[in-house]
Amino acid sequence: MKRVALSDQIAAVDVAVASIEAVLRERDFYRLYPRMVDFEIDNLRAVARTLAWFQTHEQTIRDAISSARQLDAAQQVP
């Protein structure tokens, strides 16, 4: 699996939000329940915010994972 930068993932979600919003508004279900379009779009925007948070804190996350692995390796197994 190819690694994709978080900035590229965020950009892709932003493009998807705009595209999906237009498509959803044309579907029968979303015509019957127009508030659901905003619900779906809000969920996608939350994904983009989560990815942006990961990007902001990427080094801290990597450091925490590395520390956890070091602690795990240092454990004595009976």
Protein backbone atom coordinates (compact mmCIF):
# COMPACT_ATOMS: atom_id res chain seq x y z
CA MET A 1 0.00 0.00 0.00
CA LYS A 2 1.33 3.40 -0.98
CA ARG A 3 1.76 5.97 1.80
CA VAL A 4 -0.07 9.23 1.28
CA ALA A 5 0.86 12.43 3.09
CA LEU A 6 -1.67 13.78 5.57
CA SER A 7 -1.81 17.08 3.67
CA ASP A 8 -2.82 15.18 0.52
CA GLN A 9 -5.44 13.24 2.47
CA ILE A 10 -6.88 16.47 3.87
CA ALA A 11 -7.03 18.00 0.40
CA ALA A 12 -8.76 14.89 -0.95
CA VAL A 13 -11.40 15.02 1.78
CA ASP A 14 -12.00 18.70 1.04
CA VAL A 15 -12.54 17.89 -2.65
CA ALA A 16 -14.78 14.96 -1.72
CA VAL A 17 -16.93 17.18 0.50
CA ALA A 18 -17.65 19.57 -2.33
CA SER A 19 -18.35 16.78 -4.83
CA ILE A 20 -20.43 14.62 -2.52
CA GLU A 21 -22.56 17.53 -1.38
CA ALA A 22 -23.68 18.17 -4.96
CA VAL A 23 -24.40 14.48 -5.57
CA LEU A 24 -26.28 13.95 -2.31
CA ARG A 25 -28.63 16.85 -2.96
CA GLU A 26 -29.84 15.06 -6.10
CA ARG A 27 -30.63 11.71 -4.43
CA ASP A 28 -34.20 10.88 -3.49
CA PHE A 29 -33.37 9.98 0.11
CA TYR A 30 -31.67 13.31 0.67
CA ARG A 31 -34.52 15.16 -1.02
CA LEU A 32 -36.88 13.57 1.50
CA TYR A 33 -34.48 14.27 4.38
CA PRO A 34 -32.51 17.38 3.38
CA ARG A 35 -30.98 17.75 6.85
CA MET A 36 -29.11 14.51 6.23
CA VAL A 37 -26.97 16.22 3.58
CA ASP A 38 -25.63 18.60 6.21
CA PHE A 39 -25.15 15.66 8.60
CA GLU A 40 -23.08 13.75 6.03
CA ILE A 41 -21.07 16.83 5.07
CA ASP A 42 -20.40 17.67 8.73
CA ASN A 43 -19.09 14.13 9.22
CA LEU A 44 -16.71 14.49 6.29
CA ARG A 45 -15.52 17.85 7.56
CA ALA A 46 -14.86 16.23 10.95
CA VAL A 47 -12.65 13.69 9.17
CA ALA A 48 -10.68 16.53 7.60
CA ARG A 49 -10.30 18.23 11.00
CA THR A 50 -9.13 14.95 12.54
CA LEU A 51 -6.54 14.50 9.80
CA ALA A 52 -5.40 18.10 10.28
CA TRP A 53 -5.02 17.45 14.03
CA PHE A 54 -2.96 14.34 13.25
CA GLN A 55 -0.80 16.38 10.92
CA THR A 56 -0.26 19.06 13.57
CA HIS A 57 0.66 16.50 16.22
CA GLU A 58 2.35 13.93 13.98
CA GLN A 59 5.75 14.10 15.65
CA THR A 60 4.26 13.81 19.15
CA ILE A 61 2.27 10.76 18.05
CA ARG A 62 5.38 9.18 16.51
CA ASP A 63 7.38 9.87 19.68
CA ALA A 64 4.65 8.31 21.84
CA ILE A 65 4.53 5.20 19.66
CA SER A 66 8.30 4.90 19.75
CA SER A 67 8.35 5.24 23.55
CA ALA A 68 5.61 2.63 23.92
CA ARG A 69 7.58 0.22 21.73
CA GLN A 70 10.72 0.79 23.77
CA LEU A 71 8.83 0.14 26.99
CA ASP A 72 7.28 -2.98 25.49
CA ALA A 73 10.70 -4.26 24.41
CA ALA A 74 12.14 -3.58 27.88
CA GLN A 75 9.47 -5.66 29.63
CA GLN A 76 10.71 -8.91 31.06
CA VAL A 77 8.55 -11.78 30.02
CA PRO A 78 8.43 -14.56 32.65
